[in-house]
Amino acid sequence: MHHRETAGALVCVMHLLVLSDVTHAIPSRDRFAPCREQLAQKPAEYESAECFSRVALDESMWTESTRVFQSLIDAYPDNFWLPLAYGNAWERRNPDRAEQLYRQAVAGFSASGHAEGELLARGTLRTFLFPRGRIEEAAREYKDWISGEVLARVVTIGRDGPEVERAAHAVEIDELLVTVALTMDE
């Protein structure tokens, strides 16, 4: 009896080894394929970068998304939508990494003179800082965000798109929130 049990266990182990070799040989479906296609078609749009973030979050693909985002950022160093979207993927999982990515996006958009991107990146960073109790930092981002310089550059672009409308609405809400928060600290 002992030999039969051992032989049976050996057959099971060999079966598992064969199956694991076969499953590694089968290429897995690239869940980021639709995002890659969207980025290729519309590289200058936030939604193209955000697609990768949504897949990472929806599928909990942390290791793969790290590799994918890093290769995209390396391949497109002037596309600051990528670190902004990558930060969104890490916000709850690794807040320090998310903040670093948000700041990278702000700096990149600012240095390149991309006013609309800077406006959205600063707003995202401010929104990230505020609920973490970093009210003074959030207020500084807020002041830089609506200092007139960044907002004026967006307005001079002549864009009436939904991003600018959302930003203008966010400014109104943020003004109230920052005023309340700073008043509470006094």
Foldseek 3Di string as FASTA:
>chain_A
DVVVVVVVVVVVVVVVVVVVVVVVVDDDDDPCVVLVVVCVVPVQDLVSLLSLLVCCQVVVVVVVSVVVLVVVCVVCVLRLSNLQNVLSSCCVPPVVSSLVSLVSSLVSCVVVVVLLSNLVSLLVNLVSCVVVVNLVVSVVSLCVNPVCVSLVSVVVVVDPDPSNVVSVVVNVVVVVVSVVVVVVVD
